[in-house]
Amino acid sequence: MARADRPALTPAGTDGPPGTDDPPGAVPARRAVEALWRIESARIVGALTRYTGDLDLAEDVAQEALAQALVAWSRDGEPANPVGWLLATARRRAIDHYRRRSALGERYAALAGRLVEGGATSGAEPTADRPDDPPWDPDRIDDDVLALMFVACHPVLSPEARTALTLRVVAGLSSEEIARSFLVPVPTVQARITRAKKTIAAAGVPFELPPVAERRERLGGVLTVLYVIFTEGSTATAGDRLLRPDLAYEAIRLARTLAALLPDEPEVFGLLALFELTAARFPARTGRDGEAILLEEQDRRLWDRSAVRRGLAAVDRATAAGRGLGPYGLQAAIAACHAKAPSVPETDWGRIVLLYEALGRVAPSPVVELNRAVAVAMATGPQEALPIVDGLAASGRLSGSHLLPTVRGELLTRLGRTAEARAELELAARLCRNTRERSVLLRKAAALG
């Protein structure tokens, strides 16, 4: 049975300086394994899951193959086809697993037959460089990764479990990395992953792409998980860092993979565009000491123009489909308005208001309405926006969130209602769990003293 606490061989899973007793070649082998797992983990686990029909077993044998690679590659050097080597090794581990389980002798025979048909012998060292022993069906590579995403984001799982499992089996992150990213204890992450795998097994979720009729409906769950991962990376909900770039860039990498696998889905490109355009501002969002820098104070010369170009191209791709922009595409279009503007005053706030109104119709939420109020304030003044915010406050839909008192404090400041503004900003600071954001709010409140 797979264990969620099995250490993944990622950079975080093998950190620390090499020991003095490491054999020659150990450090290069470790680096090669780490890099390979980071890049190819989804394809490796996906191919093994298709081969074994068991996500738990696939991850276990993949990790065992990685451990063997550290030893063998240190001794013999990296093989010409490292992914094939790992897959051949992992498949043999799967054979060993079924051999030990005599009750599954029939299945073992079937798997062994596949291995023999592939041209390998059970006693030989893995050499998957041979043309007669391909590491996987070349026509199934894309399907394996896509199927893995759909399995990890299956509707039978809770949102928290989907996020943890996606980061684990699709992104290849360790439990420690996931826990650090979301500021939760490692045992909590391990428990979520374990429960998710058990739920998938109990529900009999097959490792396959959902039928075309269901794919678009279930695609929304995959996009939501990536959105949650990126959002946490772009503005951490708690802790002493405003940004968690490694988490955000992992979401971007997965979104790029999804866009390559589903080139006819405009909302995938909308999500990718939103990620690229938001991440483009990362270099200007924090100062030398990690302090938060507001949009109006950012040096736009620091924005990543390559990311802006990629984001704008993805927006065009989503628009060109002719089906109308979905929720992520509309958010990307809003981000594009900011990316194109030379400054905050010169931003097309009127267009942003219209885009938020459209977003509110296709994906209504109190946060969307709050953001619309901000855009209205910039377009026509705070007196027009304050009733929108007051309506949200009266509804109680954002109670407990620091976002609403933050915006209300800003609007009251601009209206000259200083005492009320200071009280709202102090309330926002008390509710905010991110120390960098909190310091900005306290500074603004103090300036009104």
Protein backbone atom coordinates (compact mmCIF):
# COMPACT_ATOMS: atom_id res chain seq x y z
CA MET A 1 0.00 0.00 0.00
CA ALA A 2 1.32 3.44 -0.89
CA ARG A 3 2.33 5.82 1.84
CA ALA A 4 1.67 9.54 1.49
CA ASP A 5 4.75 10.24 3.60
CA ARG A 6 7.10 8.47 1.19
CA PRO A 7 9.68 11.21 0.42
CA ALA A 8 9.51 12.38 -3.16
CA LEU A 9 12.89 12.77 -4.82
CA THR A 10 12.49 16.45 -5.55
CA PRO A 11 14.99 19.18 -4.65
CA ALA A 12 13.25 19.58 -1.30
CA GLY A 13 13.32 15.83 -0.74
CA THR A 14 17.08 15.50 -1.20
CA ASP A 15 18.32 18.80 0.13
CA GLY A 16 21.46 19.28 2.12
CA PRO A 17 25.15 19.11 1.19
CA PRO A 18 26.57 15.80 0.00
CA GLY A 19 28.28 13.71 2.64
CA THR A 20 32.01 13.15 2.65
CA ASP A 21 31.41 9.41 2.18
CA ASP A 22 29.38 9.84 -1.00
CA PRO A 23 30.84 7.68 -3.79
CA PRO A 24 32.15 9.36 -6.94
CA GLY A 25 29.26 10.30 -9.17
CA ALA A 26 26.72 10.47 -6.34
CA VAL A 27 26.16 14.22 -6.56
CA PRO A 28 25.69 14.30 -10.37
CA ALA A 29 23.37 11.31 -10.11
CA ARG A 30 21.30 12.97 -7.41
CA ARG A 31 21.00 16.16 -9.44
CA ALA A 32 20.04 14.23 -12.56
CA VAL A 33 17.34 12.29 -10.68
CA GLU A 34 15.96 15.46 -9.08
CA ALA A 35 15.78 17.30 -12.40
CA LEU A 36 14.24 14.34 -14.20
CA TRP A 37 11.57 13.83 -11.56
CA ARG A 38 10.64 17.51 -11.51
CA ILE A 39 10.17 17.58 -15.28
CA GLU A 40 8.87 14.10 -16.06
CA SER A 41 7.07 12.94 -12.89
CA ALA A 42 3.58 13.29 -14.36
CA ARG A 43 4.44 11.30 -17.46
CA ILE A 44 6.22 8.62 -15.43
CA VAL A 45 3.45 8.18 -12.86
CA GLY A 46 0.80 8.42 -15.58
CA ALA A 47 2.42 5.71 -17.71
CA LEU A 48 2.87 3.46 -14.67
CA THR A 49 -0.73 4.01 -13.55
CA ARG A 50 -1.98 2.99 -16.96
CA TYR A 51 0.32 -0.05 -16.85
CA THR A 52 -0.66 -1.22 -13.35
CA GLY A 53 -4.16 0.23 -13.07
CA ASP A 54 -3.28 1.37 -9.55
CA LEU A 55 -2.27 4.96 -8.69
CA ASP A 56 -0.95 3.92 -5.28
CA LEU A 57 1.25 1.20 -6.71
CA ALA A 58 2.39 3.41 -9.60
CA GLU A 59 3.73 6.07 -7.25
CA ASP A 60 5.34 3.49 -4.97
CA VAL A 61 7.24 1.70 -7.75
CA ALA A 62 8.25 5.03 -9.29
CA GLN A 63 9.82 6.08 -6.00
CA GLU A 64 11.57 2.72 -5.68
CA ALA A 65 12.97 3.15 -9.19
CA LEU A 66 14.23 6.62 -8.29
CA ALA A 67 15.99 5.22 -5.23
CA GLN A 68 17.65 2.53 -7.35
CA ALA A 69 18.67 5.14 -9.93
CA LEU A 70 20.61 7.05 -7.27
CA VAL A 71 22.74 3.96 -6.67
CA ALA A 72 23.04 2.66 -10.22
CA TRP A 73 23.67 6.01 -11.89
CA SER A 74 26.29 6.93 -9.31
CA ARG A 75 28.11 3.73 -10.23
CA ASP A 76 27.48 3.44 -13.97
CA GLY A 77 26.60 6.97 -15.05
CA GLU A 78 23.30 8.28 -16.38
CA PRO A 79 21.82 6.06 -19.12
CA ALA A 80 21.11 7.36 -22.60
CA ASN A 81 17.36 7.07 -21.99
CA PRO A 82 16.90 7.89 -18.28
CA VAL A 83 13.09 7.98 -18.40
CA GLY A 84 13.00 4.60 -20.10
CA TRP A 85 15.42 3.22 -17.51
CA LEU A 86 13.16 4.39 -14.68
CA LEU A 87 10.04 2.99 -16.29
CA ALA A 88 11.63 -0.39 -16.99
CA THR A 89 12.83 -0.56 -13.38
CA ALA A 90 9.47 0.51 -12.00
CA ARG A 91 7.62 -2.04 -14.12
CA ARG A 92 9.81 -4.78 -12.69
CA ARG A 93 9.02 -3.55 -9.21
CA ALA A 94 5.34 -3.86 -10.09
CA ILE A 95 5.95 -7.43 -11.26
CA ASP A 96 7.69 -8.19 -7.95
CA HIS A 97 4.76 -6.69 -6.09
CA TYR A 98 2.24 -8.97 -7.79
CA ARG A 99 4.56 -11.96 -7.45
CA ARG A 100 4.46 -11.48 -3.69
CA ARG A 101 0.70 -11.37 -3.74
CA SER A 102 -0.11 -14.93 -4.74
CA ALA A 103 -3.82 -14.17 -4.83
CA LEU A 104 -3.13 -12.02 -7.88
CA GLY A 105 -1.16 -14.67 -9.74
CA GLU A 106 -3.32 -14.33 -12.82
CA ARG A 107 -2.71 -10.60 -13.03
CA TYR A 108 1.00 -11.15 -12.46
CA ALA A 109 1.09 -13.54 -15.38
CA ALA A 110 -0.60 -10.96 -17.59
CA LEU A 111 1.87 -8.23 -16.57
CA ALA A 112 4.82 -10.58 -16.99
CA GLY A 113 3.54 -11.44 -20.43
CA ARG A 114 3.53 -7.77 -21.39
CA LEU A 115 7.11 -7.44 -20.18
CA VAL A 116 8.24 -10.47 -22.22
CA GLU A 117 6.41 -9.18 -25.27
CA GLY A 118 8.32 -5.92 -24.87
CA GLY A 119 11.60 -7.80 -25.32
CA ALA A 120 12.81 -7.65 -21.71
CA THR A 121 13.81 -10.52 -19.45
CA SER A 122 12.98 -10.55 -15.76
CA GLY A 123 16.56 -11.14 -14.70
CA ALA A 124 18.19 -8.47 -16.86
CA GLU A 125 19.23 -5.04 -15.71
CA PRO A 126 16.88 -2.28 -16.94
CA THR A 127 18.06 -1.04 -20.32
CA ALA A 128 14.98 0.62 -21.74
CA ASP A 129 17.13 2.33 -24.36
CA ARG A 130 16.47 -0.69 -26.61
CA PRO A 131 14.06 0.06 -29.45
CA ASP A 132 12.17 -3.21 -28.74
CA ASP A 133 11.41 -2.16 -25.14
CA PRO A 134 9.74 1.25 -25.39
CA PRO A 135 9.08 2.95 -22.05
CA TRP A 136 5.48 3.65 -23.04
CA ASP A 137 3.22 3.79 -26.04
CA PRO A 138 4.34 7.01 -27.81
CA ASP A 139 0.77 7.68 -28.88
CA ARG A 140 -0.41 7.63 -25.26
CA ILE A 141 2.00 10.13 -23.68
CA ASP A 142 -0.39 13.07 -23.81
CA ASP A 143 -3.33 10.93 -22.74
CA ASP A 144 -1.42 9.64 -19.70
CA VAL A 145 -0.67 13.11 -18.36
CA LEU A 146 -4.17 14.37 -19.07
CA ALA A 147 -5.77 11.31 -17.49
CA LEU A 148 -3.59 11.79 -14.41
CA MET A 149 -4.83 15.36 -14.05
CA PHE A 150 -8.47 14.26 -14.34
CA VAL A 151 -7.97 11.47 -11.79
CA ALA A 152 -6.24 13.78 -9.30
CA CYS A 153 -9.06 16.32 -9.68
CA HIS A 154 -11.94 13.82 -9.68
CA PRO A 155 -15.25 15.17 -8.29
CA VAL A 156 -15.36 12.45 -5.61
CA LEU A 157 -12.50 14.23 -3.81
CA SER A 158 -12.76 17.31 -1.61
CA PRO A 159 -11.19 20.54 -2.95
CA GLU A 160 -8.34 20.27 -0.42
CA ALA A 161 -7.67 16.66 -1.40
CA ARG A 162 -7.67 17.52 -5.12
CA THR A 163 -5.11 20.27 -4.57
CA ALA A 164 -2.82 18.08 -2.46
CA LEU A 165 -3.05 15.09 -4.81
CA THR A 166 -2.47 17.24 -7.90
CA LEU A 167 0.65 18.77 -6.40
CA ARG A 168 1.83 15.33 -5.34
CA VAL A 169 1.26 13.12 -8.38
CA VAL A 170 1.04 15.64 -11.22
CA ALA A 171 3.54 18.28 -10.09
CA GLY A 172 5.79 15.80 -8.27
CA LEU A 173 6.09 17.84 -5.07
CA SER A 174 6.85 16.19 -1.75
CA SER A 175 4.50 16.29 1.23
CA GLU A 176 6.94 18.68 2.91
CA GLU A 177 6.84 21.09 -0.04
CA ILE A 178 3.04 21.05 -0.17
CA ALA A 179 2.76 21.61 3.57
CA ARG A 180 5.22 24.48 3.44
CA SER A 181 3.38 26.06 0.53
CA PHE A 182 -0.02 26.03 2.25
CA LEU A 183 1.24 26.51 5.81
CA VAL A 184 -0.32 23.33 7.14
CA PRO A 185 1.33 20.51 9.08
CA VAL A 186 2.99 17.76 7.06
CA PRO A 187 0.77 15.06 8.65
CA THR A 188 -2.29 16.98 7.44
CA VAL A 189 -1.03 16.89 3.86
CA GLN A 190 -0.10 13.22 4.16
CA ALA A 191 -3.55 12.38 5.52
CA ARG A 192 -5.25 14.26 2.67
CA ILE A 193 -3.21 12.42 0.06
CA THR A 194 -3.79 9.04 1.68
CA ARG A 195 -7.54 9.64 1.96
CA ALA A 196 -7.68 10.84 -1.63
CA LYS A 197 -6.02 7.67 -2.92
CA LYS A 198 -8.29 5.47 -0.82
CA THR A 199 -11.35 7.38 -2.05
CA ILE A 200 -10.29 6.97 -5.68
CA ALA A 201 -9.76 3.24 -5.15
CA ALA A 202 -13.04 2.79 -3.26
CA ALA A 203 -14.96 4.69 -5.93
CA GLY A 204 -13.42 2.58 -8.67
CA VAL A 205 -12.20 5.64 -10.58
CA PRO A 206 -10.62 4.30 -13.79
CA PHE A 207 -7.34 5.65 -15.08
CA GLU A 208 -8.65 7.02 -18.33
CA LEU A 209 -9.83 10.21 -19.93
CA PRO A 210 -13.50 10.89 -19.24
CA PRO A 211 -15.81 10.60 -22.24
CA VAL A 212 -15.84 13.64 -24.48
CA ALA A 213 -19.33 14.55 -23.30
CA GLU A 214 -18.09 14.74 -19.68
CA ARG A 215 -14.65 16.15 -20.32
CA ARG A 216 -15.61 19.81 -20.52
CA GLU A 217 -17.74 19.56 -17.39
CA ARG A 218 -14.96 17.90 -15.41
CA LEU A 219 -12.33 20.19 -16.91
CA GLY A 220 -13.74 22.93 -14.68
CA GLY A 221 -12.54 21.02 -11.62
CA VAL A 222 -9.03 20.73 -13.03
CA LEU A 223 -8.91 24.45 -13.81
CA THR A 224 -10.20 25.30 -10.34
CA VAL A 225 -7.42 23.32 -8.67
CA LEU A 226 -4.76 25.06 -10.76
CA TYR A 227 -6.37 28.42 -9.99
CA VAL A 228 -6.27 27.71 -6.24
CA ILE A 229 -2.61 26.70 -6.43
CA PHE A 230 -1.64 29.81 -8.39
CA THR A 231 -3.69 32.16 -6.21
CA GLU A 232 -1.94 30.93 -3.08
CA GLY A 233 1.39 31.44 -4.82
CA SER A 234 0.59 34.93 -6.06
CA THR A 235 -0.80 36.24 -2.76
CA ALA A 236 -0.22 33.98 0.22
CA THR A 237 -3.16 33.82 2.59
CA ALA A 238 -0.91 33.72 5.65
CA GLY A 239 2.70 33.83 6.72
CA ASP A 240 5.48 36.35 6.37
CA ARG A 241 5.86 36.29 2.58
CA LEU A 242 3.58 38.04 0.13
CA LEU A 243 4.53 35.76 -2.77
CA ARG A 244 5.26 32.05 -3.06
CA PRO A 245 6.72 32.09 -6.58
CA ASP A 246 7.67 28.40 -6.69
CA LEU A 247 4.03 27.44 -6.11
CA ALA A 248 2.77 29.97 -8.67
CA TYR A 249 5.26 28.85 -11.31
CA GLU A 250 4.32 25.21 -10.71
CA ALA A 251 0.71 26.13 -11.52
CA ILE A 252 1.90 27.93 -14.66
CA ARG A 253 3.87 24.85 -15.74
CA LEU A 254 0.81 22.64 -15.28
CA ALA A 255 -1.40 25.14 -17.13
CA ARG A 256 1.03 25.16 -20.05
CA THR A 257 0.93 21.37 -20.12
CA LEU A 258 -2.86 21.42 -20.08
CA ALA A 259 -2.95 23.99 -22.90
CA ALA A 260 -0.67 21.80 -25.01
CA LEU A 261 -2.87 18.77 -24.39
CA LEU A 262 -6.19 20.59 -24.96
CA PRO A 263 -5.47 23.13 -27.72
CA ASP A 264 -9.16 23.58 -28.56
CA GLU A 265 -10.31 24.61 -25.07
CA PRO A 266 -10.37 28.44 -24.89
CA GLU A 267 -10.84 28.57 -21.12
CA VAL A 268 -7.57 26.69 -20.63
CA PHE A 269 -5.83 29.49 -22.52
CA GLY A 270 -7.78 32.03 -20.49
CA LEU A 271 -6.43 30.51 -17.29
CA LEU A 272 -2.89 30.37 -18.68
CA ALA A 273 -3.15 34.01 -19.77
CA LEU A 274 -4.31 35.05 -16.31
CA PHE A 275 -1.35 33.25 -14.73
CA GLU A 276 1.21 34.72 -17.13
CA LEU A 277 -0.06 38.29 -16.85
CA THR A 278 -0.28 38.13 -13.06
CA ALA A 279 3.15 36.56 -12.66
CA ALA A 280 4.62 39.21 -14.96
CA ARG A 281 4.20 41.71 -12.11
CA PHE A 282 5.99 39.57 -9.52
CA PRO A 283 9.39 41.33 -9.87
CA ALA A 284 7.79 44.68 -8.95
CA ARG A 285 5.38 43.54 -6.24
CA THR A 286 7.90 43.28 -3.40
CA GLY A 287 10.84 45.34 -2.25
CA ARG A 288 14.31 44.25 -1.19
CA ASP A 289 13.12 43.19 2.24
CA GLY A 290 10.02 41.44 0.92
CA GLU A 291 7.67 44.30 1.74
CA ALA A 292 4.55 44.60 -0.41
CA ILE A 293 4.52 47.28 -3.11
CA LEU A 294 1.08 48.42 -4.24
CA LEU A 295 0.14 48.60 -7.92
CA GLU A 296 0.27 52.40 -8.07
CA GLU A 297 3.78 52.38 -6.57
CA GLN A 298 5.27 49.63 -8.72
CA ASP A 299 8.09 50.28 -11.17
CA ARG A 300 6.53 48.89 -14.32
CA ARG A 301 9.92 48.67 -15.96
CA LEU A 302 10.49 45.65 -13.74
CA TRP A 303 7.50 43.77 -15.12
CA ASP A 304 8.43 40.65 -17.08
CA ARG A 305 7.65 41.70 -20.63
CA SER A 306 8.16 38.17 -21.98
CA ALA A 307 5.43 36.94 -19.63
CA VAL A 308 3.22 39.84 -20.72
CA ARG A 309 3.64 38.87 -24.37
CA ARG A 310 2.86 35.23 -23.61
CA GLY A 311 -0.19 36.25 -21.60
CA LEU A 312 -1.54 38.57 -24.30
CA ALA A 313 -1.02 35.84 -26.91
CA ALA A 314 -2.97 33.40 -24.74
CA VAL A 315 -5.81 35.93 -24.38
CA ASP A 316 -5.92 36.24 -28.16
CA ARG A 317 -6.00 32.44 -28.44
CA ALA A 318 -8.93 32.23 -26.02
CA THR A 319 -10.79 35.03 -27.85
CA ALA A 320 -10.16 33.55 -31.29
CA ALA A 321 -12.24 30.47 -30.43
CA GLY A 322 -15.33 32.63 -30.90
CA ARG A 323 -17.27 31.10 -28.01
CA GLY A 324 -17.03 34.10 -25.72
CA LEU A 325 -14.67 34.38 -22.77
CA GLY A 326 -15.35 32.32 -19.67
CA PRO A 327 -14.56 33.32 -16.06
CA TYR A 328 -10.80 32.83 -16.41
CA GLY A 329 -10.69 34.47 -19.82
CA LEU A 330 -12.51 37.53 -18.47
CA GLN A 331 -10.09 37.79 -15.56
CA ALA A 332 -7.23 37.51 -18.04
CA ALA A 333 -8.76 40.31 -20.12
CA ILE A 334 -8.81 42.48 -16.98
CA ALA A 335 -5.16 41.62 -16.30
CA ALA A 336 -4.39 42.52 -19.92
CA CYS A 337 -5.79 46.03 -19.36
CA HIS A 338 -3.31 46.50 -16.52
CA ALA A 339 -0.45 45.00 -18.54
CA LYS A 340 -1.02 47.39 -21.45
CA ALA A 341 -1.40 50.55 -19.33
CA PRO A 342 1.64 52.77 -18.74
CA SER A 343 0.34 53.78 -15.29
CA VAL A 344 -2.63 53.43 -12.95
CA PRO A 345 -4.28 56.74 -14.00
CA GLU A 346 -3.88 55.82 -17.69
CA THR A 347 -5.51 52.39 -17.27
CA ASP A 348 -8.76 51.82 -19.16
CA TRP A 349 -10.88 51.59 -16.01
CA GLY A 350 -14.12 51.91 -17.96
CA ARG A 351 -13.35 48.70 -19.83
CA ILE A 352 -12.35 46.99 -16.60
CA VAL A 353 -15.74 47.91 -15.07
CA LEU A 354 -17.51 46.35 -18.06
CA LEU A 355 -15.37 43.21 -17.81
CA TYR A 356 -16.17 42.86 -14.11
CA GLU A 357 -19.87 43.27 -14.88
CA ALA A 358 -19.59 40.44 -17.43
CA LEU A 359 -17.63 38.33 -14.94
CA GLY A 360 -20.31 38.94 -12.33
CA ARG A 361 -22.91 37.52 -14.70
CA VAL A 362 -21.01 34.33 -15.64
CA ALA A 363 -19.37 33.69 -12.25
CA PRO A 364 -21.05 35.81 -9.57
CA SER A 365 -19.26 36.10 -6.23
CA PRO A 366 -18.80 38.74 -3.52
CA VAL A 367 -15.11 39.06 -4.38
CA VAL A 368 -15.95 39.84 -8.01
CA GLU A 369 -18.43 42.46 -6.82
CA LEU A 370 -15.82 43.96 -4.50
CA ASN A 371 -13.33 44.17 -7.33
CA ARG A 372 -15.98 45.81 -9.50
CA ALA A 373 -16.40 48.44 -6.78
CA VAL A 374 -12.68 49.18 -6.91
CA ALA A 375 -12.84 49.58 -10.69
CA VAL A 376 -15.90 51.84 -10.40
CA ALA A 377 -14.03 54.00 -7.87
CA MET A 378 -11.13 54.39 -10.29
CA ALA A 379 -13.41 55.06 -13.26
CA THR A 380 -16.00 57.43 -11.77
CA GLY A 381 -15.01 58.14 -8.18
CA PRO A 382 -15.36 56.67 -4.66
CA GLN A 383 -18.83 58.10 -4.11
CA GLU A 384 -20.17 55.75 -6.81
CA ALA A 385 -18.35 52.74 -5.40
CA LEU A 386 -19.12 53.09 -1.70
CA PRO A 387 -22.78 51.96 -1.97
CA ILE A 388 -21.61 48.74 -3.66
CA VAL A 389 -19.22 48.02 -0.79
CA ASP A 390 -21.80 48.97 1.83
CA GLY A 391 -24.23 46.54 0.22
CA LEU A 392 -21.67 43.76 0.47
CA ALA A 393 -21.03 44.63 4.11
CA ALA A 394 -24.75 44.50 4.88
CA SER A 395 -25.06 41.09 3.20
CA GLY A 396 -22.39 39.59 5.46
CA ARG A 397 -21.00 37.56 2.57
CA LEU A 398 -17.42 38.68 3.24
CA SER A 399 -17.54 38.76 7.01
CA GLY A 400 -14.23 37.64 8.44
CA SER A 401 -12.29 38.64 5.34
CA HIS A 402 -9.86 41.54 5.44
CA LEU A 403 -10.63 42.42 1.82
CA LEU A 404 -13.89 44.27 2.40
CA PRO A 405 -12.67 46.62 5.20
CA THR A 406 -9.51 47.21 3.15
CA VAL A 407 -11.48 48.49 0.18
CA ARG A 408 -13.95 50.39 2.35
CA GLY A 409 -11.06 52.06 4.19
CA GLU A 410 -9.54 53.16 0.89
CA LEU A 411 -12.84 54.61 -0.35
CA LEU A 412 -13.49 56.46 2.92
CA THR A 413 -9.94 57.85 2.81
CA ARG A 414 -10.56 59.27 -0.64
CA LEU A 415 -13.85 60.76 0.57
CA GLY A 416 -12.10 62.50 3.46
CA ARG A 417 -13.86 60.48 6.17
CA THR A 418 -10.59 59.93 8.00
CA ALA A 419 -11.74 58.52 11.34
CA GLU A 420 -13.99 55.93 9.70
CA ALA A 421 -11.27 55.05 7.20
CA ARG A 422 -8.72 54.49 9.96
CA ALA A 423 -11.12 52.21 11.84
CA GLU A 424 -11.75 50.14 8.69
CA LEU A 425 -8.03 49.79 7.92
CA GLU A 426 -7.27 48.76 11.52
CA LEU A 427 -10.05 46.16 11.31
CA ALA A 428 -8.60 44.88 8.04
CA ALA A 429 -5.16 44.58 9.66
CA ARG A 430 -6.62 42.53 12.52
CA LEU A 431 -8.31 40.17 10.08
CA CYS A 432 -5.32 39.81 7.72
CA ARG A 433 -3.15 36.73 8.29
CA ASN A 434 -0.31 37.75 5.96
CA THR A 435 2.23 39.86 7.80
CA ARG A 436 3.35 41.71 4.66
CA GLU A 437 -0.17 42.80 3.78
CA ARG A 438 -0.87 43.62 7.42
CA SER A 439 2.10 45.97 7.60
CA VAL A 440 0.78 47.90 4.58
CA LEU A 441 -2.64 48.26 6.21
CA LEU A 442 -1.18 49.43 9.52
CA ARG A 443 1.02 51.94 7.73
CA LYS A 444 -1.98 53.38 5.92
CA ALA A 445 -3.98 53.57 9.14
CA ALA A 446 -1.12 55.28 10.93
CA ALA A 447 -0.87 57.83 8.12
CA LEU A 448 -4.43 58.88 8.92
CA GLY A 449 -3.65 59.42 12.61
